[in-house]
Amino acid sequence: MANLKVDLSLNDGNLKQQIQQDKQAVKDFGKSVGEQAQNFTKVVGSITNYKRKLSELTKEVISLEMSYANLSDEQKKSDIGAALAKQLNEAKDKAASFKDAIIDTQNEIKQLSSDSFKTDALTEGISTVSTSMSAMVAVTQLAGGETEKLQSAIAKLILIQTASAASVKIINALQM
């Protein structure tokens, strides 16, 4: 019977080094995941804060609109009316900014949580180009210009758009 000797020691310097690198990579990954979880918690907190502020601003806008509506035409033309109108416009601008911040943050979270971010971006890009080309056809037609080549290009683009959207659906279905 042959004597088989297997060396299970980790005397190989490269192997030890690789294991250490892998351990460090796992630690770094864990740290990164923890940091991302903290960042996500901060973002959710920010959205909640924005929504609360938006609610407060909406109430303020309604109150200011009611106050302004109750002014007589003469009062609206006075310094008090002008100040109230200015305050109303500032409150509306601030509320719009908060609403925009909420929507932007929610869209960013949606993008980052997508399993098919790159294909979603490709589909969105193709859709944007298609919409732009449709606008060009409309303007060209209004100006009385030649649109056959543009319409042909749009038809091809729509086919590409349909194929890319189908690809995204297939990719998403396969990832479930």
N, C-alpha and C. Protein backbone atom coordinates (compact mmCIF):
# COMPACT_ATOMS: atom_id res chain seq x y z
N MET A 1 0.85 -1.17 0.00
CA MET A 1 0.00 0.00 0.00
C MET A 1 0.90 1.23 0.00
N ALA A 2 0.60 2.17 -0.88
CA ALA A 2 1.42 3.38 -1.03
C ALA A 2 1.14 4.31 0.13
N ASN A 3 2.18 4.96 0.56
CA ASN A 3 2.07 5.90 1.67
C ASN A 3 1.82 7.29 1.09
N LEU A 4 0.64 7.87 1.32
CA LEU A 4 0.26 9.17 0.78
C LEU A 4 0.38 10.20 1.89
N LYS A 5 1.17 11.21 1.66
CA LYS A 5 1.37 12.25 2.65
C LYS A 5 0.83 13.56 2.09
N VAL A 6 -0.09 14.18 2.82
CA VAL A 6 -0.68 15.46 2.41
C VAL A 6 -0.24 16.51 3.41
N ASP A 7 0.34 17.56 2.92
CA ASP A 7 0.81 18.64 3.78
C ASP A 7 -0.30 19.69 3.87
N LEU A 8 -0.92 19.77 5.02
CA LEU A 8 -2.01 20.73 5.21
C LEU A 8 -1.54 22.02 5.88
N SER A 9 -0.27 22.15 6.07
CA SER A 9 0.24 23.37 6.70
C SER A 9 0.22 24.52 5.72
N LEU A 10 0.23 25.70 6.26
CA LEU A 10 0.17 26.90 5.43
C LEU A 10 1.53 27.58 5.40
N ASN A 11 2.52 26.80 5.01
CA ASN A 11 3.86 27.36 4.97
C ASN A 11 4.13 28.18 3.73
N ASP A 12 3.29 28.02 2.76
CA ASP A 12 3.48 28.77 1.51
C ASP A 12 3.17 30.24 1.78
N GLY A 13 4.15 31.11 1.60
CA GLY A 13 4.00 32.54 1.88
C GLY A 13 2.91 33.19 1.05
N ASN A 14 2.80 32.81 -0.22
CA ASN A 14 1.79 33.40 -1.09
C ASN A 14 0.38 33.04 -0.63
N LEU A 15 0.20 31.80 -0.19
CA LEU A 15 -1.11 31.37 0.27
C LEU A 15 -1.49 32.11 1.55
N LYS A 16 -0.54 32.23 2.49
CA LYS A 16 -0.80 32.98 3.71
C LYS A 16 -1.16 34.42 3.40
N GLN A 17 -0.41 35.00 2.48
CA GLN A 17 -0.66 36.39 2.11
C GLN A 17 -2.04 36.53 1.47
N GLN A 18 -2.42 35.59 0.63
CA GLN A 18 -3.72 35.64 -0.02
C GLN A 18 -4.85 35.51 1.01
N ILE A 19 -4.64 34.61 1.98
CA ILE A 19 -5.65 34.43 3.02
C ILE A 19 -5.80 35.71 3.84
N GLN A 20 -4.69 36.33 4.17
CA GLN A 20 -4.73 37.59 4.92
C GLN A 20 -5.45 38.68 4.11
N GLN A 21 -5.16 38.73 2.82
CA GLN A 21 -5.82 39.72 1.96
C GLN A 21 -7.31 39.45 1.89
N ASP A 22 -7.68 38.16 1.81
CA ASP A 22 -9.09 37.81 1.75
C ASP A 22 -9.80 38.17 3.06
N LYS A 23 -9.12 37.90 4.20
CA LYS A 23 -9.70 38.27 5.49
C LYS A 23 -9.90 39.77 5.58
N GLN A 24 -8.92 40.52 5.11
CA GLN A 24 -9.03 41.98 5.14
C GLN A 24 -10.15 42.46 4.22
N ALA A 25 -10.27 41.81 3.06
CA ALA A 25 -11.34 42.18 2.12
C ALA A 25 -12.71 41.94 2.76
N VAL A 26 -12.85 40.82 3.48
CA VAL A 26 -14.12 40.52 4.15
C VAL A 26 -14.38 41.56 5.24
N LYS A 27 -13.36 41.93 6.01
CA LYS A 27 -13.52 42.96 7.04
C LYS A 27 -13.93 44.29 6.41
N ASP A 28 -13.23 44.64 5.32
CA ASP A 28 -13.54 45.90 4.62
C ASP A 28 -14.97 45.89 4.09
N PHE A 29 -15.36 44.74 3.54
CA PHE A 29 -16.71 44.62 3.00
C PHE A 29 -17.73 44.79 4.12
N GLY A 30 -17.48 44.12 5.25
CA GLY A 30 -18.39 44.24 6.39
C GLY A 30 -18.49 45.68 6.87
N LYS A 31 -17.33 46.35 6.92
CA LYS A 31 -17.31 47.75 7.32
C LYS A 31 -18.09 48.60 6.32
N SER A 32 -17.89 48.32 5.04
CA SER A 32 -18.58 49.06 3.99
C SER A 32 -20.09 48.86 4.08
N VAL A 33 -20.51 47.60 4.31
CA VAL A 33 -21.94 47.32 4.44
C VAL A 33 -22.50 48.07 5.65
N GLY A 34 -21.76 48.08 6.75
CA GLY A 34 -22.21 48.81 7.93
C GLY A 34 -22.34 50.30 7.66
N GLU A 35 -21.36 50.86 6.96
CA GLU A 35 -21.40 52.28 6.61
C GLU A 35 -22.58 52.57 5.69
N GLN A 36 -22.82 51.67 4.73
CA GLN A 36 -23.95 51.87 3.82
C GLN A 36 -25.27 51.81 4.57
N ALA A 37 -25.37 50.90 5.54
CA ALA A 37 -26.59 50.82 6.35
C ALA A 37 -26.79 52.11 7.13
N GLN A 38 -25.70 52.66 7.68
CA GLN A 38 -25.80 53.93 8.40
C GLN A 38 -26.21 55.05 7.46
N ASN A 39 -25.61 55.06 6.27
CA ASN A 39 -25.97 56.09 5.28
C ASN A 39 -27.43 55.97 4.88
N PHE A 40 -27.89 54.74 4.69
CA PHE A 40 -29.29 54.53 4.31
C PHE A 40 -30.21 55.03 5.41
N THR A 41 -29.86 54.74 6.66
CA THR A 41 -30.66 55.22 7.79
C THR A 41 -30.70 56.75 7.80
N LYS A 42 -29.56 57.38 7.52
CA LYS A 42 -29.52 58.85 7.46
C LYS A 42 -30.42 59.37 6.34
N VAL A 43 -30.37 58.70 5.18
CA VAL A 43 -31.18 59.14 4.04
C VAL A 43 -32.66 59.02 4.37
N VAL A 44 -33.05 57.90 4.96
CA VAL A 44 -34.45 57.72 5.34
C VAL A 44 -34.86 58.78 6.35
N GLY A 45 -33.96 59.07 7.30
CA GLY A 45 -34.24 60.13 8.27
C GLY A 45 -34.39 61.48 7.59
N SER A 46 -33.55 61.73 6.58
CA SER A 46 -33.63 62.99 5.84
C SER A 46 -34.96 63.10 5.10
N ILE A 47 -35.37 62.00 4.48
CA ILE A 47 -36.65 62.02 3.76
C ILE A 47 -37.79 62.30 4.73
N THR A 48 -37.76 61.65 5.88
CA THR A 48 -38.80 61.87 6.89
C THR A 48 -38.79 63.34 7.33
N ASN A 49 -37.60 63.88 7.54
CA ASN A 49 -37.47 65.28 7.94
C ASN A 49 -38.00 66.21 6.84
N TYR A 50 -37.63 65.91 5.58
CA TYR A 50 -38.12 66.72 4.45
C TYR A 50 -39.64 66.67 4.37
N LYS A 51 -40.20 65.49 4.56
CA LYS A 51 -41.66 65.35 4.47
C LYS A 51 -42.34 66.15 5.58
N ARG A 52 -41.76 66.10 6.79
CA ARG A 52 -42.33 66.86 7.90
C ARG A 52 -42.26 68.36 7.59
N LYS A 53 -41.10 68.82 7.11
CA LYS A 53 -40.94 70.23 6.78
C LYS A 53 -41.87 70.63 5.63
N LEU A 54 -42.01 69.74 4.66
CA LEU A 54 -42.91 70.03 3.53
C LEU A 54 -44.34 70.17 4.03
N SER A 55 -44.74 69.31 4.95
CA SER A 55 -46.09 69.39 5.51
C SER A 55 -46.29 70.72 6.23
N GLU A 56 -45.28 71.13 7.02
CA GLU A 56 -45.36 72.41 7.72
C GLU A 56 -45.42 73.57 6.73
N LEU A 57 -44.59 73.51 5.70
CA LEU A 57 -44.59 74.58 4.70
C LEU A 57 -45.91 74.63 3.94
N THR A 58 -46.47 73.46 3.64
CA THR A 58 -47.75 73.43 2.93
C THR A 58 -48.83 74.11 3.77
N LYS A 59 -48.84 73.83 5.06
CA LYS A 59 -49.80 74.49 5.96
C LYS A 59 -49.57 76.00 5.97
N GLU A 60 -48.29 76.40 5.99
CA GLU A 60 -47.96 77.82 5.98
C GLU A 60 -48.43 78.48 4.68
N VAL A 61 -48.19 77.80 3.56
CA VAL A 61 -48.62 78.34 2.26
C VAL A 61 -50.13 78.51 2.23
N ILE A 62 -50.85 77.51 2.71
CA ILE A 62 -52.32 77.60 2.73
C ILE A 62 -52.77 78.77 3.60
N SER A 63 -52.15 78.90 4.76
CA SER A 63 -52.50 80.00 5.67
C SER A 63 -52.21 81.35 5.02
N LEU A 64 -51.05 81.46 4.38
CA LEU A 64 -50.69 82.73 3.72
C LEU A 64 -51.62 83.02 2.54
N GLU A 65 -51.98 81.98 1.79
CA GLU A 65 -52.90 82.19 0.66
C GLU A 65 -54.26 82.66 1.15
N MET A 66 -54.72 82.07 2.24
CA MET A 66 -56.01 82.49 2.80
C MET A 66 -55.93 83.94 3.29
N SER A 67 -54.83 84.27 3.95
CA SER A 67 -54.66 85.64 4.44
C SER A 67 -54.63 86.62 3.27
N TYR A 68 -53.90 86.26 2.23
CA TYR A 68 -53.78 87.15 1.07
C TYR A 68 -55.13 87.28 0.36
N ALA A 69 -55.85 86.16 0.27
CA ALA A 69 -57.16 86.19 -0.41
C ALA A 69 -58.15 87.07 0.36
N ASN A 70 -57.99 87.16 1.66
CA ASN A 70 -58.91 87.96 2.47
C ASN A 70 -58.60 89.46 2.43
N LEU A 71 -57.48 89.83 1.83
CA LEU A 71 -57.14 91.25 1.71
C LEU A 71 -57.99 91.90 0.64
N SER A 72 -58.31 93.13 0.86
CA SER A 72 -59.03 93.89 -0.18
C SER A 72 -58.03 94.23 -1.28
N ASP A 73 -58.54 94.67 -2.42
CA ASP A 73 -57.66 95.04 -3.53
C ASP A 73 -56.72 96.17 -3.10
N GLU A 74 -57.23 97.08 -2.31
CA GLU A 74 -56.41 98.19 -1.83
C GLU A 74 -55.30 97.70 -0.90
N GLN A 75 -55.64 96.75 -0.02
CA GLN A 75 -54.64 96.18 0.90
C GLN A 75 -53.58 95.38 0.13
N LYS A 76 -54.00 94.68 -0.91
CA LYS A 76 -53.04 93.90 -1.71
C LYS A 76 -52.01 94.81 -2.37
N LYS A 77 -52.41 96.05 -2.69
CA LYS A 77 -51.50 96.99 -3.34
C LYS A 77 -50.61 97.71 -2.33
N SER A 78 -50.93 97.58 -1.06
CA SER A 78 -50.16 98.27 -0.02
C SER A 78 -48.87 97.51 0.29
N ASP A 79 -48.05 98.12 1.15
CA ASP A 79 -46.79 97.48 1.57
C ASP A 79 -47.06 96.16 2.29
N ILE A 80 -48.12 96.12 3.06
CA ILE A 80 -48.46 94.90 3.79
C ILE A 80 -48.83 93.79 2.81
N GLY A 81 -49.61 94.12 1.81
CA GLY A 81 -50.00 93.13 0.79
C GLY A 81 -48.80 92.64 0.01
N ALA A 82 -47.91 93.57 -0.34
CA ALA A 82 -46.70 93.20 -1.09
C ALA A 82 -45.81 92.29 -0.24
N ALA A 83 -45.70 92.60 1.05
CA ALA A 83 -44.87 91.78 1.95
C ALA A 83 -45.48 90.39 2.11
N LEU A 84 -46.80 90.34 2.21
CA LEU A 84 -47.48 89.05 2.33
C LEU A 84 -47.32 88.23 1.05
N ALA A 85 -47.43 88.88 -0.09
CA ALA A 85 -47.25 88.19 -1.38
C ALA A 85 -45.83 87.65 -1.51
N LYS A 86 -44.86 88.46 -1.06
CA LYS A 86 -43.46 88.03 -1.11
C LYS A 86 -43.24 86.83 -0.19
N GLN A 87 -43.80 86.90 1.01
CA GLN A 87 -43.67 85.80 1.96
C GLN A 87 -44.34 84.54 1.41
N LEU A 88 -45.48 84.69 0.75
CA LEU A 88 -46.18 83.57 0.15
C LEU A 88 -45.34 82.92 -0.95
N ASN A 89 -44.75 83.73 -1.81
CA ASN A 89 -43.91 83.20 -2.90
C ASN A 89 -42.67 82.49 -2.35
N GLU A 90 -42.07 83.06 -1.31
CA GLU A 90 -40.89 82.42 -0.70
C GLU A 90 -41.26 81.07 -0.09
N ALA A 91 -42.42 81.01 0.56
CA ALA A 91 -42.87 79.76 1.17
C ALA A 91 -43.15 78.71 0.09
N LYS A 92 -43.74 79.15 -1.03
CA LYS A 92 -44.00 78.22 -2.13
C LYS A 92 -42.68 77.70 -2.73
N ASP A 93 -41.71 78.59 -2.91
CA ASP A 93 -40.40 78.18 -3.44
C ASP A 93 -39.72 77.18 -2.51
N LYS A 94 -39.79 77.46 -1.22
CA LYS A 94 -39.15 76.58 -0.23
C LYS A 94 -39.84 75.21 -0.23
N ALA A 95 -41.16 75.20 -0.29
CA ALA A 95 -41.92 73.94 -0.33
C ALA A 95 -41.57 73.16 -1.60
N ALA A 96 -41.44 73.86 -2.71
CA ALA A 96 -41.07 73.19 -3.97
C ALA A 96 -39.67 72.59 -3.86
N SER A 97 -38.76 73.28 -3.20
CA SER A 97 -37.41 72.75 -3.02
C SER A 97 -37.41 71.49 -2.17
N PHE A 98 -38.19 71.49 -1.10
CA PHE A 98 -38.27 70.30 -0.26
C PHE A 98 -38.89 69.13 -1.01
N LYS A 99 -39.94 69.42 -1.77
CA LYS A 99 -40.59 68.35 -2.54
C LYS A 99 -39.62 67.79 -3.57
N ASP A 100 -38.86 68.66 -4.22
CA ASP A 100 -37.87 68.24 -5.21
C ASP A 100 -36.79 67.37 -4.54
N ALA A 101 -36.35 67.78 -3.35
CA ALA A 101 -35.33 67.01 -2.63
C ALA A 101 -35.85 65.62 -2.27
N ILE A 102 -37.10 65.53 -1.86
CA ILE A 102 -37.70 64.24 -1.53
C ILE A 102 -37.74 63.35 -2.76
N ILE A 103 -38.22 63.89 -3.87
CA ILE A 103 -38.34 63.10 -5.10
C ILE A 103 -36.97 62.67 -5.60
N ASP A 104 -35.99 63.59 -5.57
CA ASP A 104 -34.64 63.25 -6.01
C ASP A 104 -34.05 62.12 -5.17
N THR A 105 -34.22 62.20 -3.86
CA THR A 105 -33.68 61.18 -2.96
C THR A 105 -34.37 59.85 -3.19
N GLN A 106 -35.69 59.86 -3.34
CA GLN A 106 -36.42 58.63 -3.59
C GLN A 106 -36.00 58.00 -4.92
N ASN A 107 -35.79 58.83 -5.94
CA ASN A 107 -35.35 58.31 -7.23
C ASN A 107 -33.96 57.71 -7.15
N GLU A 108 -33.09 58.35 -6.37
CA GLU A 108 -31.72 57.83 -6.20
C GLU A 108 -31.75 56.48 -5.50
N ILE A 109 -32.58 56.36 -4.48
CA ILE A 109 -32.72 55.08 -3.78
C ILE A 109 -33.26 54.02 -4.74
N LYS A 110 -34.23 54.39 -5.53
CA LYS A 110 -34.81 53.45 -6.49
C LYS A 110 -33.75 52.98 -7.48
N GLN A 111 -32.95 53.91 -7.97
CA GLN A 111 -31.88 53.55 -8.91
C GLN A 111 -30.87 52.63 -8.26
N LEU A 112 -30.44 52.97 -7.06
CA LEU A 112 -29.42 52.17 -6.39
C LEU A 112 -29.92 50.79 -5.99
N SER A 113 -31.22 50.66 -5.79
CA SER A 113 -31.76 49.37 -5.39
C SER A 113 -32.10 48.48 -6.59
N SER A 114 -31.98 49.01 -7.77
CA SER A 114 -32.29 48.24 -8.97
C SER A 114 -31.24 47.17 -9.23
N ASP A 115 -31.71 45.98 -9.53
CA ASP A 115 -30.80 44.89 -9.88
C ASP A 115 -30.29 45.04 -11.31
N SER A 116 -30.95 45.88 -12.07
CA SER A 116 -30.58 46.04 -13.48
C SER A 116 -30.31 47.50 -13.78
N PHE A 117 -29.53 48.13 -12.91
CA PHE A 117 -29.27 49.57 -13.02
C PHE A 117 -28.75 49.96 -14.39
N LYS A 118 -27.75 49.22 -14.89
CA LYS A 118 -27.16 49.57 -16.18
C LYS A 118 -28.15 49.41 -17.32
N THR A 119 -28.91 48.32 -17.31
CA THR A 119 -29.89 48.14 -18.38
C THR A 119 -31.04 49.12 -18.26
N ASP A 120 -31.41 49.46 -17.01
CA ASP A 120 -32.45 50.48 -16.82
C ASP A 120 -31.98 51.82 -17.39
N ALA A 121 -30.71 52.15 -17.14
CA ALA A 121 -30.15 53.41 -17.65
C ALA A 121 -30.12 53.40 -19.18
N LEU A 122 -29.77 52.25 -19.75
CA LEU A 122 -29.74 52.13 -21.21
C LEU A 122 -31.13 52.33 -21.79
N THR A 123 -32.12 51.67 -21.18
CA THR A 123 -33.50 51.80 -21.64
C THR A 123 -33.98 53.24 -21.53
N GLU A 124 -33.66 53.89 -20.41
CA GLU A 124 -34.04 55.29 -20.20
C GLU A 124 -33.37 56.18 -21.24
N GLY A 125 -32.11 55.92 -21.52
CA GLY A 125 -31.38 56.70 -22.53
C GLY A 125 -32.00 56.55 -23.91
N ILE A 126 -32.32 55.33 -24.27
CA ILE A 126 -32.94 55.08 -25.58
C ILE A 126 -34.29 55.77 -25.65
N SER A 127 -35.05 55.69 -24.57
CA SER A 127 -36.36 56.34 -24.53
C SER A 127 -36.23 57.85 -24.69
N THR A 128 -35.23 58.44 -24.04
CA THR A 128 -35.00 59.88 -24.14
C THR A 128 -34.63 60.28 -25.57
N VAL A 129 -33.76 59.50 -26.20
CA VAL A 129 -33.37 59.78 -27.59
C VAL A 129 -34.59 59.67 -28.50
N SER A 130 -35.40 58.63 -28.28
CA SER A 130 -36.60 58.44 -29.09
C SER A 130 -37.56 59.62 -28.96
N THR A 131 -37.76 60.07 -27.74
CA THR A 131 -38.64 61.22 -27.49
C THR A 131 -38.08 62.48 -28.16
N SER A 132 -36.77 62.66 -28.06
CA SER A 132 -36.13 63.82 -28.69
C SER A 132 -36.30 63.79 -30.21
N MET A 133 -36.12 62.60 -30.77
CA MET A 133 -36.27 62.49 -32.22
C MET A 133 -37.72 62.73 -32.64
N SER A 134 -38.66 62.28 -31.84
CA SER A 134 -40.08 62.54 -32.14
C SER A 134 -40.35 64.04 -32.15
N ALA A 135 -39.74 64.74 -31.21
CA ALA A 135 -39.89 66.19 -31.17
C ALA A 135 -39.28 66.83 -32.42
N MET A 136 -38.13 66.30 -32.85
CA MET A 136 -37.49 66.82 -34.06
C MET A 136 -38.39 66.62 -35.28
N VAL A 137 -39.04 65.46 -35.37
CA VAL A 137 -39.95 65.20 -36.49
C VAL A 137 -41.09 66.20 -36.47
N ALA A 138 -41.65 66.44 -35.29
CA ALA A 138 -42.76 67.38 -35.19
C ALA A 138 -42.34 68.78 -35.62
N VAL A 139 -41.18 69.22 -35.16
CA VAL A 139 -40.69 70.55 -35.54
C VAL A 139 -40.41 70.61 -37.04
N THR A 140 -39.79 69.55 -37.56
CA THR A 140 -39.48 69.51 -38.99
C THR A 140 -40.75 69.54 -39.82
N GLN A 141 -41.77 68.79 -39.38
CA GLN A 141 -43.04 68.79 -40.10
C GLN A 141 -43.70 70.16 -40.05
N LEU A 142 -43.63 70.82 -38.89
CA LEU A 142 -44.21 72.16 -38.78
C LEU A 142 -43.50 73.15 -39.71
N ALA A 143 -42.21 72.95 -39.88
CA ALA A 143 -41.42 73.83 -40.74
C ALA A 143 -41.54 73.43 -42.21
N GLY A 144 -42.23 72.31 -42.48
CA GLY A 144 -42.42 71.88 -43.86
C GLY A 144 -41.21 71.15 -44.42
N GLY A 145 -40.38 70.61 -43.58
CA GLY A 145 -39.17 69.93 -44.02
C GLY A 145 -39.38 68.45 -44.29
N GLU A 146 -38.32 67.80 -44.75
CA GLU A 146 -38.30 66.37 -45.07
C GLU A 146 -38.23 65.57 -43.76
N THR A 147 -39.17 64.63 -43.60
CA THR A 147 -39.20 63.86 -42.36
C THR A 147 -39.10 62.35 -42.57
N GLU A 148 -39.04 61.89 -43.80
CA GLU A 148 -39.02 60.44 -44.05
C GLU A 148 -37.83 59.76 -43.39
N LYS A 149 -36.63 60.35 -43.51
CA LYS A 149 -35.45 59.74 -42.91
C LYS A 149 -35.54 59.74 -41.39
N LEU A 150 -36.05 60.84 -40.84
CA LEU A 150 -36.22 60.91 -39.39
C LEU A 150 -37.23 59.87 -38.91
N GLN A 151 -38.34 59.73 -39.62
CA GLN A 151 -39.35 58.75 -39.23
C GLN A 151 -38.79 57.33 -39.31
N SER A 152 -37.99 57.07 -40.31
CA SER A 152 -37.36 55.75 -40.43
C SER A 152 -36.41 55.50 -39.25
N ALA A 153 -35.64 56.51 -38.89
CA ALA A 153 -34.71 56.38 -37.76
C ALA A 153 -35.49 56.16 -36.46
N ILE A 154 -36.60 56.87 -36.31
CA ILE A 154 -37.41 56.71 -35.10
C ILE A 154 -38.00 55.31 -35.04
N ALA A 155 -38.46 54.80 -36.17
CA ALA A 155 -39.01 53.44 -36.19
C ALA A 155 -37.96 52.44 -35.73
N LYS A 156 -36.73 52.59 -36.20
CA LYS A 156 -35.64 51.70 -35.77
C LYS A 156 -35.35 51.88 -34.28
N LEU A 157 -35.37 53.12 -33.85
CA LEU A 157 -35.10 53.40 -32.44
C LEU A 157 -36.18 52.80 -31.54
N ILE A 158 -37.42 52.85 -31.99
CA ILE A 158 -38.51 52.26 -31.22
C ILE A 158 -38.33 50.75 -31.12
N LEU A 159 -37.87 50.13 -32.20
CA LEU A 159 -37.59 48.69 -32.14
C LEU A 159 -36.49 48.38 -31.14
N ILE A 160 -35.45 49.20 -31.14
CA ILE A 160 -34.35 49.03 -30.18
C ILE A 160 -34.87 49.23 -28.76
N GLN A 161 -35.70 50.25 -28.59
CA GLN A 161 -36.27 50.55 -27.28
C GLN A 161 -37.11 49.37 -26.78
N THR A 162 -37.92 48.81 -27.65
CA THR A 162 -38.76 47.67 -27.28
C THR A 162 -37.89 46.47 -26.91
N ALA A 163 -36.85 46.22 -27.71
CA ALA A 163 -35.95 45.10 -27.42
C ALA A 163 -35.22 45.30 -26.10
N SER A 164 -34.77 46.51 -25.83
CA SER A 164 -34.04 46.75 -24.57
C SER A 164 -34.98 46.63 -23.38
N ALA A 165 -36.21 47.12 -23.50
CA ALA A 165 -37.18 46.99 -22.40
C ALA A 165 -37.49 45.52 -22.15
N ALA A 166 -37.62 44.75 -23.21
CA ALA A 166 -37.87 43.31 -23.05
C ALA A 166 -36.67 42.64 -22.38
N SER A 167 -35.48 43.06 -22.77
CA SER A 167 -34.26 42.50 -22.16
C SER A 167 -34.22 42.77 -20.66
N VAL A 168 -34.58 43.98 -20.27
CA VAL A 168 -34.60 44.34 -18.85
C VAL A 168 -35.60 43.45 -18.10
N LYS A 169 -36.77 43.25 -18.69
CA LYS A 169 -37.77 42.39 -18.04
C LYS A 169 -37.26 40.97 -17.89
N ILE A 170 -36.59 40.48 -18.92
CA ILE A 170 -36.06 39.11 -18.87
C ILE A 170 -34.97 39.03 -17.80
N ILE A 171 -34.07 40.00 -17.78
CA ILE A 171 -32.99 40.02 -16.78
C ILE A 171 -33.58 40.07 -15.37
N ASN A 172 -34.57 40.92 -15.17
CA ASN A 172 -35.20 41.03 -13.85
C ASN A 172 -35.87 39.73 -13.45
N ALA A 173 -36.54 39.09 -14.40
CA ALA A 173 -37.22 37.82 -14.11
C ALA A 173 -36.22 36.73 -13.74
N LEU A 174 -35.09 36.71 -14.41
CA LEU A 174 -34.08 35.70 -14.14
C LEU A 174 -33.38 35.93 -12.82
N GLN A 175 -33.36 37.15 -12.33
CA GLN A 175 -32.68 37.47 -11.08
C GLN A 175 -33.53 37.16 -9.87
N MET A 176 -34.79 36.92 -10.05
CA MET A 176 -35.69 36.65 -8.90
C MET A 176 -35.43 35.30 -8.33
